[in-house]
Amino acid sequence: MGKLNAQGVTTVSITQKTDGSNEWEMKGVMRTREGDFLAVWGNGTGKSTGPTTAEWTGEVHFMSRSPKLSWLNNVTGWVEG
């Protein structure tokens, strides 16, 4: 495929459950150094691993009108942390 080097801002909404698990949803925009923009959104699940730590996984989708980034329009990314 390709490589993306961009910076952006996202908003993440998390619904915390009483069993320590959670569901999250994110939306944002990113910009490359060359000035190309793309929208990014995704969702997933997570769980608490300690008093101040957690782990999470999910998928992310992209959309761009830039010809340079058109390869991302049909890509589903996997994220974990």
PDB file of N, CA and C in Angstrom:
ATOM      1  N   MET A   1       0.824  -1.186   0.000  1.00  0.00           N
ATOM      2  CA  MET A   1       0.000   0.000   0.000  1.00  0.00           C
ATOM      3  C   MET A   1       0.868   1.250   0.000  1.00  0.00           C
ATOM      4  N   GLY A   2       0.951   1.912   1.167  1.00  0.00           N
ATOM      5  CA  GLY A   2       1.683   3.159   1.242  1.00  0.00           C
ATOM      6  C   GLY A   2       1.935   3.534   2.678  1.00  0.00           C
ATOM      7  N   LYS A   3       2.480   4.726   2.845  1.00  0.00           N
ATOM      8  CA  LYS A   3       2.809   5.216   4.170  1.00  0.00           C
ATOM      9  C   LYS A   3       2.213   6.605   4.324  1.00  0.00           C
ATOM     10  N   LEU A   4       1.703   6.886   5.512  1.00  0.00           N
ATOM     11  CA  LEU A   4       1.098   8.178   5.802  1.00  0.00           C
ATOM     12  C   LEU A   4       1.902   8.867   6.887  1.00  0.00           C
ATOM     13  N   ASN A   5       2.329  10.087   6.612  1.00  0.00           N
ATOM     14  CA  ASN A   5       3.025  10.905   7.593  1.00  0.00           C
ATOM     15  C   ASN A   5       2.223  12.199   7.717  1.00  0.00           C
ATOM     16  N   ALA A   6       1.442  12.310   8.788  1.00  0.00           N
ATOM     17  CA  ALA A   6       0.543  13.453   8.932  1.00  0.00           C
ATOM     18  C   ALA A   6       0.354  13.787  10.409  1.00  0.00           C
ATOM     19  N   GLN A   7      -0.127  14.989  10.638  1.00  0.00           N
ATOM     20  CA  GLN A   7      -0.490  15.427  11.981  1.00  0.00           C
ATOM     21  C   GLN A   7      -1.960  15.808  11.955  1.00  0.00           C
ATOM     22  N   GLY A   8      -2.606  15.733  13.102  1.00  0.00           N
ATOM     23  CA  GLY A   8      -4.015  16.079  13.110  1.00  0.00           C
ATOM     24  C   GLY A   8      -4.566  16.229  14.503  1.00  0.00           C
ATOM     25  N   VAL A   9      -5.869  16.349  14.535  1.00  0.00           N
ATOM     26  CA  VAL A   9      -6.588  16.478  15.788  1.00  0.00           C
ATOM     27  C   VAL A   9      -7.800  15.550  15.723  1.00  0.00           C
ATOM     28  N   THR A  10      -8.068  14.860  16.827  1.00  0.00           N
ATOM     29  CA  THR A  10      -9.206  13.956  16.884  1.00  0.00           C
ATOM     30  C   THR A  10      -9.970  14.169  18.183  1.00  0.00           C
ATOM     31  N   THR A  11     -11.212  13.768  18.155  1.00  0.00           N
ATOM     32  CA  THR A  11     -12.059  13.732  19.341  1.00  0.00           C
ATOM     33  C   THR A  11     -12.415  12.283  19.596  1.00  0.00           C
ATOM     34  N   VAL A  12     -12.221  11.835  20.825  1.00  0.00           N
ATOM     35  CA  VAL A  12     -12.531  10.454  21.189  1.00  0.00           C
ATOM     36  C   VAL A  12     -13.604  10.480  22.279  1.00  0.00           C
ATOM     37  N   SER A  13     -14.684   9.731  22.033  1.00  0.00           N
ATOM     38  CA  SER A  13     -15.748   9.564  23.034  1.00  0.00           C
ATOM     39  C   SER A  13     -15.652   8.143  23.575  1.00  0.00           C
ATOM     40  N   ILE A  14     -15.609   8.016  24.900  1.00  0.00           N
ATOM     41  CA  ILE A  14     -15.464   6.714  25.541  1.00  0.00           C
ATOM     42  C   ILE A  14     -16.659   6.471  26.448  1.00  0.00           C
ATOM     43  N   THR A  15     -17.260   5.291  26.315  1.00  0.00           N
ATOM     44  CA  THR A  15     -18.326   4.859  27.210  1.00  0.00           C
ATOM     45  C   THR A  15     -17.744   3.793  28.118  1.00  0.00           C
ATOM     46  N   GLN A  16     -17.548   4.153  29.383  1.00  0.00           N
ATOM     47  CA  GLN A  16     -16.959   3.242  30.366  1.00  0.00           C
ATOM     48  C   GLN A  16     -18.053   2.382  30.979  1.00  0.00           C
ATOM     49  N   LYS A  17     -17.813   1.073  31.083  1.00  0.00           N
ATOM     50  CA  LYS A  17     -18.786   0.149  31.671  1.00  0.00           C
ATOM     51  C   LYS A  17     -18.343  -0.261  33.072  1.00  0.00           C
ATOM     52  N   THR A  18     -19.265  -0.734  33.862  1.00  0.00           N
ATOM     53  CA  THR A  18     -18.969  -1.081  35.254  1.00  0.00           C
ATOM     54  C   THR A  18     -18.029  -2.272  35.384  1.00  0.00           C
ATOM     55  N   ASP A  19     -17.923  -3.119  34.364  1.00  0.00           N
ATOM     56  CA  ASP A  19     -17.020  -4.273  34.431  1.00  0.00           C
ATOM     57  C   ASP A  19     -15.582  -3.925  34.049  1.00  0.00           C
ATOM     58  N   GLY A  20     -15.297  -2.638  33.789  1.00  0.00           N
ATOM     59  CA  GLY A  20     -13.955  -2.199  33.430  1.00  0.00           C
ATOM     60  C   GLY A  20     -13.706  -2.137  31.938  1.00  0.00           C
ATOM     61  N   SER A  21     -14.648  -2.624  31.139  1.00  0.00           N
ATOM     62  CA  SER A  21     -14.493  -2.535  29.688  1.00  0.00           C
ATOM     63  C   SER A  21     -15.042  -1.196  29.200  1.00  0.00           C
ATOM     64  N   ASN A  22     -14.746  -0.859  27.956  1.00  0.00           N
ATOM     65  CA  ASN A  22     -15.265   0.374  27.384  1.00  0.00           C
ATOM     66  C   ASN A  22     -15.445   0.219  25.882  1.00  0.00           C
ATOM     67  N   GLU A  23     -16.197   1.133  25.319  1.00  0.00           N
ATOM     68  CA  GLU A  23     -16.350   1.265  23.876  1.00  0.00           C
ATOM     69  C   GLU A  23     -15.944   2.685  23.531  1.00  0.00           C
ATOM     70  N   TRP A  24     -15.224   2.841  22.411  1.00  0.00           N
ATOM     71  CA  TRP A  24     -14.772   4.168  22.027  1.00  0.00           C
ATOM     72  C   TRP A  24     -15.098   4.451  20.565  1.00  0.00           C
ATOM     73  N   GLU A  25     -15.217   5.734  20.278  1.00  0.00           N
ATOM     74  CA  GLU A  25     -15.461   6.205  18.918  1.00  0.00           C
ATOM     75  C   GLU A  25     -14.640   7.461  18.714  1.00  0.00           C
ATOM     76  N   MET A  26     -13.986   7.580  17.552  1.00  0.00           N
ATOM     77  CA  MET A  26     -13.178   8.764  17.287  1.00  0.00           C
ATOM     78  C   MET A  26     -13.472   9.328  15.908  1.00  0.00           C
ATOM     79  N   LYS A  27     -13.297  10.658  15.805  1.00  0.00           N
ATOM     80  CA  LYS A  27     -13.429  11.378  14.546  1.00  0.00           C
ATOM     81  C   LYS A  27     -12.363  12.462  14.531  1.00  0.00           C
ATOM     82  N   GLY A  28     -11.805  12.723  13.356  1.00  0.00           N
ATOM     83  CA  GLY A  28     -10.794  13.754  13.295  1.00  0.00           C
ATOM     84  C   GLY A  28     -10.393  14.128  11.882  1.00  0.00           C
ATOM     85  N   VAL A  29      -9.454  15.043  11.795  1.00  0.00           N
ATOM     86  CA  VAL A  29      -8.873  15.461  10.519  1.00  0.00           C
ATOM     87  C   VAL A  29      -7.361  15.425  10.652  1.00  0.00           C
ATOM     88  N   MET A  30      -6.693  15.154   9.528  1.00  0.00           N
ATOM     89  CA  MET A  30      -5.240  15.118   9.500  1.00  0.00           C
ATOM     90  C   MET A  30      -4.750  15.910   8.295  1.00  0.00           C
ATOM     91  N   ARG A  31      -3.498  16.382   8.365  1.00  0.00           N
ATOM     92  CA  ARG A  31      -2.893  17.134   7.271  1.00  0.00           C
ATOM     93  C   ARG A  31      -1.460  16.672   7.100  1.00  0.00           C
ATOM     94  N   THR A  32      -1.067  16.432   5.862  1.00  0.00           N
ATOM     95  CA  THR A  32       0.312  16.055   5.580  1.00  0.00           C
ATOM     96  C   THR A  32       1.184  17.309   5.504  1.00  0.00           C
ATOM     97  N   ARG A  33       2.491  17.123   5.464  1.00  0.00           N
ATOM     98  CA  ARG A  33       3.407  18.261   5.322  1.00  0.00           C
ATOM     99  C   ARG A  33       3.211  18.990   4.004  1.00  0.00           C
ATOM    100  N   GLU A  34       2.719  18.254   3.004  1.00  0.00           N
ATOM    101  CA  GLU A  34       2.480  18.846   1.685  1.00  0.00           C
ATOM    102  C   GLU A  34       1.158  19.609   1.625  1.00  0.00           C
ATOM    103  N   GLY A  35       0.346  19.536   2.698  1.00  0.00           N
ATOM    104  CA  GLY A  35      -0.902  20.268   2.762  1.00  0.00           C
ATOM    105  C   GLY A  35      -2.138  19.491   2.350  1.00  0.00           C
ATOM    106  N   ASP A  36      -2.011  18.186   2.175  1.00  0.00           N
ATOM    107  CA  ASP A  36      -3.166  17.369   1.821  1.00  0.00           C
ATOM    108  C   ASP A  36      -3.937  16.985   3.089  1.00  0.00           C
ATOM    109  N   PHE A  37      -5.261  17.071   3.016  1.00  0.00           N
ATOM    110  CA  PHE A  37      -6.116  16.777   4.166  1.00  0.00           C
ATOM    111  C   PHE A  37      -6.815  15.438   4.002  1.00  0.00           C
ATOM    112  N   LEU A  38      -7.137  14.818   5.146  1.00  0.00           N
ATOM    113  CA  LEU A  38      -7.973  13.634   5.140  1.00  0.00           C
ATOM    114  C   LEU A  38      -8.791  13.587   6.414  1.00  0.00           C
ATOM    115  N   ALA A  39      -9.960  12.981   6.298  1.00  0.00           N
ATOM    116  CA  ALA A  39     -10.821  12.736   7.447  1.00  0.00           C
ATOM    117  C   ALA A  39     -10.520  11.338   7.958  1.00  0.00           C
ATOM    118  N   VAL A  40     -10.630  11.157   9.261  1.00  0.00           N
ATOM    119  CA  VAL A  40     -10.392   9.855   9.872  1.00  0.00           C
ATOM    120  C   VAL A  40     -11.470   9.606  10.927  1.00  0.00           C
ATOM    121  N   TRP A  41     -11.963   8.371  10.972  1.00  0.00           N
ATOM    122  CA  TRP A  41     -12.953   8.007  11.985  1.00  0.00           C
ATOM    123  C   TRP A  41     -12.829   6.517  12.270  1.00  0.00           C
ATOM    124  N   GLY A  42     -13.255   6.130  13.463  1.00  0.00           N
ATOM    125  CA  GLY A  42     -13.163   4.725  13.820  1.00  0.00           C
ATOM    126  C   GLY A  42     -13.826   4.438  15.151  1.00  0.00           C
ATOM    127  N   ASN A  43     -13.782   3.156  15.536  1.00  0.00           N
ATOM    128  CA  ASN A  43     -14.352   2.745  16.813  1.00  0.00           C
ATOM    129  C   ASN A  43     -13.714   1.437  17.247  1.00  0.00           C
ATOM    130  N   GLY A  44     -13.953   1.087  18.500  1.00  0.00           N
ATOM    131  CA  GLY A  44     -13.403  -0.145  19.025  1.00  0.00           C
ATOM    132  C   GLY A  44     -13.772  -0.357  20.474  1.00  0.00           C
ATOM    133  N   THR A  45     -13.023  -1.250  21.105  1.00  0.00           N
ATOM    134  CA  THR A  45     -13.284  -1.602  22.497  1.00  0.00           C
ATOM    135  C   THR A  45     -11.987  -1.554  23.284  1.00  0.00           C
ATOM    136  N   GLY A  46     -12.117  -1.524  24.598  1.00  0.00           N
ATOM    137  CA  GLY A  46     -10.948  -1.513  25.468  1.00  0.00           C
ATOM    138  C   GLY A  46     -11.296  -2.061  26.834  1.00  0.00           C
ATOM    139  N   LYS A  47     -10.273  -2.121  27.684  1.00  0.00           N
ATOM    140  CA  LYS A  47     -10.501  -2.565  29.060  1.00  0.00           C
ATOM    141  C   LYS A  47      -9.419  -1.990  29.957  1.00  0.00           C
ATOM    142  N   SER A  48      -9.767  -1.802  31.206  1.00  0.00           N
ATOM    143  CA  SER A  48      -8.809  -1.321  32.201  1.00  0.00           C
ATOM    144  C   SER A  48      -7.809  -2.423  32.503  1.00  0.00           C
ATOM    145  N   THR A  49      -6.535  -2.038  32.623  1.00  0.00           N
ATOM    146  CA  THR A  49      -5.491  -2.995  32.984  1.00  0.00           C
ATOM    147  C   THR A  49      -4.848  -2.641  34.314  1.00  0.00           C
ATOM    148  N   GLY A  50      -5.266  -1.542  34.896  1.00  0.00           N
ATOM    149  CA  GLY A  50      -4.744  -1.087  36.180  1.00  0.00           C
ATOM    150  C   GLY A  50      -5.468   0.174  36.592  1.00  0.00           C
ATOM    151  N   PRO A  51      -5.104   0.753  37.726  1.00  0.00           N
ATOM    152  CA  PRO A  51      -5.795   1.947  38.210  1.00  0.00           C
ATOM    153  C   PRO A  51      -5.719   3.129  37.240  1.00  0.00           C
ATOM    154  N   THR A  52      -4.620   3.241  36.493  1.00  0.00           N
ATOM    155  CA  THR A  52      -4.466   4.375  35.579  1.00  0.00           C
ATOM    156  C   THR A  52      -4.057   3.934  34.181  1.00  0.00           C
ATOM    157  N   THR A  53      -4.250   2.652  33.841  1.00  0.00           N
ATOM    158  CA  THR A  53      -3.851   2.155  32.522  1.00  0.00           C
ATOM    159  C   THR A  53      -4.988   1.388  31.860  1.00  0.00           C
ATOM    160  N   ALA A  54      -4.904   1.287  30.540  1.00  0.00           N
ATOM    161  CA  ALA A  54      -5.917   0.563  29.777  1.00  0.00           C
ATOM    162  C   ALA A  54      -5.296   0.062  28.483  1.00  0.00           C
ATOM    163  N   GLU A  55      -5.954  -0.885  27.844  1.00  0.00           N
ATOM    164  CA  GLU A  55      -5.563  -1.318  26.509  1.00  0.00           C
ATOM    165  C   GLU A  55      -6.799  -1.249  25.621  1.00  0.00           C
ATOM    166  N   TRP A  56      -6.578  -1.060  24.311  1.00  0.00           N
ATOM    167  CA  TRP A  56      -7.700  -0.866  23.410  1.00  0.00           C
ATOM    168  C   TRP A  56      -7.337  -1.350  22.012  1.00  0.00           C
ATOM    169  N   THR A  57      -8.354  -1.707  21.238  1.00  0.00           N
ATOM    170  CA  THR A  57      -8.197  -2.104  19.837  1.00  0.00           C
ATOM    171  C   THR A  57      -9.394  -1.578  19.052  1.00  0.00           C
ATOM    172  N   GLY A  58      -9.233  -1.497  17.754  1.00  0.00           N
ATOM    173  CA  GLY A  58     -10.342  -1.057  16.915  1.00  0.00           C
ATOM    174  C   GLY A  58      -9.920  -0.843  15.485  1.00  0.00           C
ATOM    175  N   GLU A  59     -10.831  -0.308  14.710  1.00  0.00           N
ATOM    176  CA  GLU A  59     -10.539  -0.045  13.310  1.00  0.00           C
ATOM    177  C   GLU A  59     -10.719   1.429  13.001  1.00  0.00           C
ATOM    178  N   VAL A  60      -9.983   1.878  11.983  1.00  0.00           N
ATOM    179  CA  VAL A  60     -10.001   3.280  11.580  1.00  0.00           C
ATOM    180  C   VAL A  60     -10.213   3.338  10.068  1.00  0.00           C
ATOM    181  N   HIS A  61     -10.989   4.315   9.631  1.00  0.00           N
ATOM    182  CA  HIS A  61     -11.279   4.523   8.210  1.00  0.00           C
ATOM    183  C   HIS A  61     -10.798   5.910   7.804  1.00  0.00           C
ATOM    184  N   PHE A  62     -10.512   6.066   6.526  1.00  0.00           N
ATOM    185  CA  PHE A  62      -9.975   7.315   6.003  1.00  0.00           C
ATOM    186  C   PHE A  62     -10.776   7.765   4.782  1.00  0.00           C
ATOM    187  N   MET A  63     -10.765   9.091   4.543  1.00  0.00           N
ATOM    188  CA  MET A  63     -11.383   9.637   3.343  1.00  0.00           C
ATOM    189  C   MET A  63     -10.634  10.911   2.973  1.00  0.00           C
ATOM    190  N   SER A  64     -10.257  11.019   1.689  1.00  0.00           N
ATOM    191  CA  SER A  64      -9.549  12.205   1.229  1.00  0.00           C
ATOM    192  C   SER A  64      -9.930  12.510  -0.211  1.00  0.00           C
ATOM    193  N   ARG A  65      -9.971  13.779  -0.547  1.00  0.00           N
ATOM    194  CA  ARG A  65     -10.192  14.208  -1.929  1.00  0.00           C
ATOM    195  C   ARG A  65      -8.869  14.435  -2.649  1.00  0.00           C
ATOM    196  N   SER A  66      -7.772  14.309  -1.930  1.00  0.00           N
ATOM    197  CA  SER A  66      -6.449  14.498  -2.524  1.00  0.00           C
ATOM    198  C   SER A  66      -6.084  13.313  -3.417  1.00  0.00           C
ATOM    199  N   PRO A  67      -5.659  13.558  -4.640  1.00  0.00           N
ATOM    200  CA  PRO A  67      -5.207  12.455  -5.498  1.00  0.00           C
ATOM    201  C   PRO A  67      -4.038  11.681  -4.882  1.00  0.00           C
ATOM    202  N   LYS A  68      -3.175  12.368  -4.148  1.00  0.00           N
ATOM    203  CA  LYS A  68      -2.032  11.704  -3.508  1.00  0.00           C
ATOM    204  C   LYS A  68      -2.467  10.716  -2.430  1.00  0.00           C
ATOM    205  N   LEU A  69      -3.605  10.984  -1.780  1.00  0.00           N
ATOM    206  CA  LEU A  69      -4.071  10.147  -0.685  1.00  0.00           C
ATOM    207  C   LEU A  69      -5.264   9.278  -1.064  1.00  0.00           C
ATOM    208  N   SER A  70      -5.600   9.219  -2.355  1.00  0.00           N
ATOM    209  CA  SER A  70      -6.776   8.456  -2.786  1.00  0.00           C
ATOM    210  C   SER A  70      -6.668   6.973  -2.443  1.00  0.00           C
ATOM    211  N   TRP A  71      -5.454   6.461  -2.310  1.00  0.00           N
ATOM    212  CA  TRP A  71      -5.272   5.050  -1.954  1.00  0.00           C
ATOM    213  C   TRP A  71      -5.838   4.731  -0.576  1.00  0.00           C
ATOM    214  N   LEU A  72      -6.018   5.753   0.276  1.00  0.00           N
ATOM    215  CA  LEU A  72      -6.563   5.549   1.615  1.00  0.00           C
ATOM    216  C   LEU A  72      -8.083   5.426   1.652  1.00  0.00           C
ATOM    217  N   ASN A  73      -8.755   5.831   0.582  1.00  0.00           N
ATOM    218  CA  ASN A  73     -10.220   5.868   0.587  1.00  0.00           C
ATOM    219  C   ASN A  73     -10.855   4.491   0.752  1.00  0.00           C
ATOM    220  N   ASN A  74     -10.186   3.430   0.417  1.00  0.00           N
ATOM    221  CA  ASN A  74     -10.737   2.078   0.560  1.00  0.00           C
ATOM    222  C   ASN A  74      -9.993   1.257   1.604  1.00  0.00           C
ATOM    223  N   VAL A  75      -9.255   1.923   2.477  1.00  0.00           N
ATOM    224  CA  VAL A  75      -8.444   1.233   3.464  1.00  0.00           C
ATOM    225  C   VAL A  75      -9.155   1.231   4.828  1.00  0.00           C
ATOM    226  N   THR A  76      -9.131   0.084   5.489  1.00  0.00           N
ATOM    227  CA  THR A  76      -9.534  -0.002   6.889  1.00  0.00           C
ATOM    228  C   THR A  76      -8.283  -0.334   7.691  1.00  0.00           C
ATOM    229  N   GLY A  77      -7.934   0.554   8.609  1.00  0.00           N
ATOM    230  CA  GLY A  77      -6.743   0.343   9.433  1.00  0.00           C
ATOM    231  C   GLY A  77      -7.101  -0.289  10.762  1.00  0.00           C
ATOM    232  N   TRP A  78      -6.146  -0.994  11.354  1.00  0.00           N
ATOM    233  CA  TRP A  78      -6.295  -1.618  12.670  1.00  0.00           C
ATOM    234  C   TRP A  78      -5.417  -0.852  13.636  1.00  0.00           C
ATOM    235  N   VAL A  79      -5.973  -0.468  14.777  1.00  0.00           N
ATOM    236  CA  VAL A  79      -5.220   0.271  15.790  1.00  0.00           C
ATOM    237  C   VAL A  79      -5.269  -0.482  17.116  1.00  0.00           C
ATOM    238  N   GLU A  80      -4.191  -0.368  17.860  1.00  0.00           N
ATOM    239  CA  GLU A  80      -4.162  -0.933  19.208  1.00  0.00           C
ATOM    240  C   GLU A  80      -3.194  -0.139  20.052  1.00  0.00           C
ATOM    241  N   GLY A  81      -3.453  -0.142  21.326  1.00  0.00           N
ATOM    242  CA  GLY A  81      -2.589   0.607  22.219  1.00  0.00           C
ATOM    243  C   GLY A  81      -2.751   0.191  23.643  1.00  0.00           C
TER     244      GLY A  81
END
